[in-house]
Amino acid sequence: MEHLFLAVLLPVAFLGGFMRGFTGFGGPLLVLPVMAIFQPAATAAASVLCMDIFANVQMLPSARLHWSARVLVPMSVGTLIGLPIGTYALVSLEPGVMRHAISLVVLLGAVALLLGWRYDRPIPTSGYGVIGLISATIMGATGIGVVTPLFLNAGTGSAAENRANIVAWVFLATLLMLVLLLMRRVLAAPELAKLLPLIALYLAGIAVGCRSYNRASESVVRAGMLLCVIGVAIGSMLL
């Protein structure tokens, strides 16, 4: 079983890392459904978060050049409220039905944005707080972290600013959710040892994804983010 685990997860980890490096998010969303085939939902979430936390070592320094405190501070406040609620639901409830319903809504929204729809009015500070609250609750309950990228890409921010804000928000949400799950002892030492080769491939994928991002135009990056959201939403609906 361990050989099958690695044979399936190693290429998925590299592809997930590439998505994370190119779009600023998306890696855990690709790896988590596959990880959940081999582990219970809460354990799989903790495993993927352990892998993804290393991504921030590579990505946060460059993201600091473009992120916005006006966006991140209220979103962080909302996240601190919403994530414990969502994580409790993940551990205590069956998230399947909720995940499928949310995935359908996210899919329709991402398609609309890909076709050119944008929200051209400035989002107030309180609005970012609500975005953080909704996004964190959904991420904690379902493992779907695409709501924040969807909201930010609907606004007037540049692709570079959106990506930087997504990277910073994902770091905060990942760190907090990982702490909450580990406090519930959902991940044991044997599972942690299995993650080492996956982490190596994940980080390699991130490095390739970051180089590809640096060479891409803003329109390509924005389209890549939205296509990533669409792909994850479809995948979540099918599982």
Protein backbone atom coordinates (compact mmCIF):
# COMPACT_ATOMS: atom_id res chain seq x y z
CA MET A 1 0.00 0.00 0.00
CA GLU A 2 2.87 2.37 0.76
CA HIS A 3 4.34 1.85 -2.72
CA LEU A 4 0.96 2.59 -4.30
CA PHE A 5 0.66 5.68 -2.08
CA LEU A 6 3.96 7.07 -3.38
CA ALA A 7 3.39 6.00 -7.00
CA VAL A 8 0.12 7.92 -7.11
CA LEU A 9 1.02 10.90 -4.94
CA LEU A 10 4.52 11.77 -6.20
CA PRO A 11 3.43 13.04 -9.66
CA VAL A 12 0.36 14.67 -8.10
CA ALA A 13 2.60 16.46 -5.59
CA PHE A 14 4.80 17.86 -8.37
CA LEU A 15 1.81 19.08 -10.39
CA GLY A 16 0.21 20.54 -7.28
CA GLY A 17 3.45 22.37 -6.49
CA PHE A 18 3.54 23.79 -10.02
CA MET A 19 -0.02 25.12 -9.62
CA ARG A 20 0.89 26.62 -6.25
CA GLY A 21 3.96 28.35 -7.66
CA PHE A 22 2.23 29.70 -10.77
CA THR A 23 -1.10 30.86 -9.34
CA GLY A 24 -0.21 31.43 -5.66
CA PHE A 25 -2.71 28.79 -4.52
CA GLY A 26 -4.22 25.57 -5.87
CA GLY A 27 -1.59 23.05 -4.81
CA PRO A 28 -3.42 21.64 -1.78
CA LEU A 29 -6.67 21.65 -3.74
CA LEU A 30 -5.18 19.27 -6.28
CA VAL A 31 -3.33 17.04 -3.80
CA LEU A 32 -6.03 16.81 -1.11
CA PRO A 33 -8.67 14.80 -3.04
CA VAL A 34 -6.02 12.23 -4.01
CA MET A 35 -4.58 12.11 -0.49
CA ALA A 36 -8.09 11.50 0.87
CA ILE A 37 -8.19 8.21 -1.06
CA PHE A 38 -5.50 6.87 1.29
CA GLN A 39 -6.30 8.71 4.53
CA PRO A 40 -9.38 9.93 6.47
CA ALA A 41 -10.53 13.43 5.49
CA ALA A 42 -9.10 15.28 8.51
CA THR A 43 -5.79 13.36 8.37
CA ALA A 44 -5.48 14.01 4.63
CA ALA A 45 -6.10 17.72 5.19
CA ALA A 46 -3.41 17.88 7.87
CA SER A 47 -0.96 15.96 5.65
CA VAL A 48 -1.44 18.34 2.73
CA LEU A 49 -1.18 21.40 4.98
CA CYS A 50 2.13 20.07 6.35
CA MET A 51 3.39 19.84 2.77
CA ASP A 52 2.11 23.27 1.78
CA ILE A 53 3.49 25.19 4.74
CA PHE A 54 6.98 24.80 3.22
CA ALA A 55 5.79 26.58 0.07
CA ASN A 56 5.66 29.86 1.92
CA VAL A 57 9.40 29.80 2.55
CA GLN A 58 9.82 30.17 -1.21
CA MET A 59 6.86 32.41 -2.00
CA LEU A 60 6.35 34.91 0.82
CA PRO A 61 9.49 37.03 0.22
CA SER A 62 8.49 37.94 -3.34
CA ALA A 63 4.82 38.33 -2.38
CA ARG A 64 5.77 41.07 0.12
CA LEU A 65 6.52 43.37 -2.81
CA HIS A 66 2.88 43.46 -3.92
CA TRP A 67 0.52 42.53 -1.09
CA SER A 68 -1.83 45.09 0.46
CA ALA A 69 -2.40 45.57 4.19
CA ARG A 70 -5.78 47.13 3.38
CA VAL A 71 -6.83 43.76 1.95
CA LEU A 72 -5.00 41.36 4.26
CA VAL A 73 -5.74 42.85 7.70
CA PRO A 74 -9.55 42.63 7.51
CA MET A 75 -9.36 39.29 5.70
CA SER A 76 -7.14 37.95 8.48
CA VAL A 77 -9.64 39.05 11.14
CA GLY A 78 -12.42 37.24 9.29
CA THR A 79 -10.21 34.18 8.91
CA LEU A 80 -9.47 33.98 12.63
CA ILE A 81 -13.22 33.81 13.24
CA GLY A 82 -14.26 31.52 10.39
CA LEU A 83 -11.53 28.89 10.29
CA PRO A 84 -12.14 27.33 13.75
CA ILE A 85 -15.83 27.00 12.84
CA GLY A 86 -15.03 25.31 9.53
CA THR A 87 -12.37 23.03 11.01
CA TYR A 88 -14.79 21.84 13.68
CA ALA A 89 -17.23 20.92 10.91
CA LEU A 90 -14.49 19.04 9.01
CA VAL A 91 -13.64 16.90 12.03
CA SER A 92 -17.19 16.41 13.28
CA LEU A 93 -19.45 16.34 10.20
CA GLU A 94 -19.64 14.77 6.75
CA PRO A 95 -18.47 17.50 4.33
CA GLY A 96 -19.37 15.79 1.04
CA VAL A 97 -22.74 17.41 0.29
CA MET A 98 -21.55 20.87 1.31
CA ARG A 99 -18.39 20.50 -0.80
CA HIS A 100 -20.37 19.59 -3.92
CA ALA A 101 -22.82 22.49 -3.51
CA ILE A 102 -20.06 25.02 -2.92
CA SER A 103 -18.06 23.64 -5.84
CA LEU A 104 -20.99 24.25 -8.19
CA VAL A 105 -21.30 27.87 -7.08
CA VAL A 106 -17.54 28.41 -7.36
CA LEU A 107 -17.52 26.83 -10.83
CA LEU A 108 -20.25 29.15 -12.13
CA GLY A 109 -18.50 32.19 -10.66
CA ALA A 110 -15.12 31.25 -12.14
CA VAL A 111 -16.63 30.70 -15.59
CA ALA A 112 -18.30 34.13 -15.41
CA LEU A 113 -14.97 35.77 -14.54
CA LEU A 114 -13.16 33.86 -17.28
CA LEU A 115 -15.72 35.19 -19.76
CA GLY A 116 -14.92 38.75 -18.71
CA TRP A 117 -17.22 39.69 -15.83
CA ARG A 118 -15.57 41.92 -13.20
CA TYR A 119 -16.74 43.83 -10.11
CA ASP A 120 -15.47 47.32 -10.95
CA ARG A 121 -16.32 49.09 -7.67
CA PRO A 122 -13.85 49.38 -4.76
CA ILE A 123 -14.44 46.75 -2.06
CA PRO A 124 -14.76 48.36 1.41
CA THR A 125 -12.64 47.23 4.34
CA SER A 126 -15.58 45.43 5.92
CA GLY A 127 -16.12 43.60 2.64
CA TYR A 128 -12.66 42.05 2.84
CA GLY A 129 -13.44 40.95 6.38
CA VAL A 130 -16.55 39.17 5.16
CA ILE A 131 -14.53 37.56 2.34
CA GLY A 132 -12.03 36.26 4.88
CA LEU A 133 -14.81 34.92 7.11
CA ILE A 134 -16.63 33.11 4.29
CA SER A 135 -13.45 31.81 2.67
CA ALA A 136 -11.97 30.49 5.91
CA THR A 137 -15.19 28.80 7.02
CA ILE A 138 -15.50 27.02 3.67
CA MET A 139 -11.81 26.10 3.61
CA GLY A 140 -11.97 24.66 7.12
CA ALA A 141 -15.14 22.65 6.46
CA THR A 142 -14.45 21.30 2.98
CA GLY A 143 -10.77 21.70 2.14
CA ILE A 144 -11.77 24.01 -0.74
CA GLY A 145 -9.69 27.18 -0.56
CA VAL A 146 -10.66 28.74 -3.88
CA VAL A 147 -13.17 31.30 -2.63
CA THR A 148 -10.55 33.95 -1.81
CA PRO A 149 -8.89 33.77 -5.27
CA LEU A 150 -12.34 33.96 -6.86
CA PHE A 151 -13.32 37.07 -4.91
CA LEU A 152 -9.99 38.84 -5.43
CA ASN A 153 -9.92 38.14 -9.16
CA ALA A 154 -13.40 39.64 -9.47
CA GLY A 155 -12.07 42.99 -8.24
CA THR A 156 -9.90 45.68 -9.77
CA GLY A 157 -6.53 44.58 -8.39
CA SER A 158 -3.70 43.58 -10.73
CA ALA A 159 -2.76 39.93 -11.18
CA ALA A 160 0.47 40.55 -9.23
CA GLU A 161 -1.37 42.14 -6.29
CA ASN A 162 -4.04 39.44 -6.28
CA ARG A 163 -1.42 36.68 -6.34
CA ALA A 164 0.55 38.28 -3.49
CA ASN A 165 -2.58 38.71 -1.35
CA ILE A 166 -3.59 35.12 -2.08
CA VAL A 167 -0.13 33.82 -1.09
CA ALA A 168 -0.21 35.74 2.19
CA TRP A 169 -3.78 34.75 3.02
CA VAL A 170 -3.17 31.08 2.20
CA PHE A 171 -0.13 31.11 4.51
CA LEU A 172 -2.16 32.47 7.42
CA ALA A 173 -5.11 30.14 6.82
CA THR A 174 -2.85 27.11 6.32
CA LEU A 175 -0.86 27.77 9.49
CA LEU A 176 -3.96 28.28 11.63
CA MET A 177 -5.83 25.29 10.20
CA LEU A 178 -2.78 23.05 10.64
CA VAL A 179 -2.48 24.07 14.30
CA LEU A 180 -6.19 23.40 14.87
CA LEU A 181 -6.00 19.94 13.26
CA LEU A 182 -2.78 18.93 15.04
CA MET A 183 -4.36 19.94 18.36
CA ARG A 184 -7.00 17.31 17.60
CA ARG A 185 -4.23 14.71 17.02
CA VAL A 186 -5.38 13.79 13.52
CA LEU A 187 -1.83 13.20 12.22
CA ALA A 188 0.62 10.69 13.74
CA ALA A 189 4.39 10.30 13.27
CA PRO A 190 4.15 7.47 10.66
CA GLU A 191 2.05 9.68 8.38
CA LEU A 192 4.55 12.52 8.77
CA ALA A 193 7.44 10.28 7.67
CA LYS A 194 5.57 9.35 4.48
CA LEU A 195 5.33 13.02 3.51
CA LEU A 196 9.07 13.68 3.12
CA PRO A 197 9.40 12.55 -0.55
CA LEU A 198 6.11 14.30 -1.37
CA ILE A 199 7.37 17.54 0.15
CA ALA A 200 10.53 17.35 -1.99
CA LEU A 201 8.51 16.92 -5.22
CA TYR A 202 6.04 19.60 -4.14
CA LEU A 203 8.81 22.14 -3.59
CA ALA A 204 10.38 21.25 -6.95
CA GLY A 205 7.03 21.87 -8.63
CA ILE A 206 6.73 25.22 -6.86
CA ALA A 207 10.15 26.31 -8.13
CA VAL A 208 9.14 25.48 -11.72
CA GLY A 209 5.77 27.20 -11.27
CA CYS A 210 7.36 30.38 -9.91
CA ARG A 211 9.75 30.57 -12.87
CA SER A 212 6.83 30.12 -15.26
CA TYR A 213 4.90 32.88 -13.47
CA ASN A 214 7.81 35.31 -13.83
CA ARG A 215 7.77 34.79 -17.60
CA ALA A 216 4.00 35.03 -18.08
CA SER A 217 1.87 38.07 -18.90
CA GLU A 218 -0.80 39.36 -16.50
CA SER A 219 -3.62 38.05 -18.71
CA VAL A 220 -2.07 34.57 -18.76
CA VAL A 221 -1.66 34.57 -14.97
CA ARG A 222 -5.26 35.69 -14.41
CA ALA A 223 -6.58 33.09 -16.84
CA GLY A 224 -4.39 30.45 -15.20
CA MET A 225 -5.82 31.27 -11.77
CA LEU A 226 -9.40 31.01 -13.02
CA LEU A 227 -8.75 27.79 -14.95
CA CYS A 228 -7.22 26.36 -11.78
CA VAL A 229 -10.35 27.30 -9.84
CA ILE A 230 -12.58 25.72 -12.50
CA GLY A 231 -10.53 22.52 -12.55
CA VAL A 232 -10.59 22.17 -8.78
CA ALA A 233 -14.33 22.88 -8.61
CA ILE A 234 -15.07 20.22 -11.23
CA GLY A 235 -12.78 17.74 -9.50
CA SER A 236 -14.45 18.34 -6.13
CA MET A 237 -17.89 17.82 -7.67
CA LEU A 238 -16.85 14.51 -9.18
CA LEU A 239 -15.36 13.06 -6.00
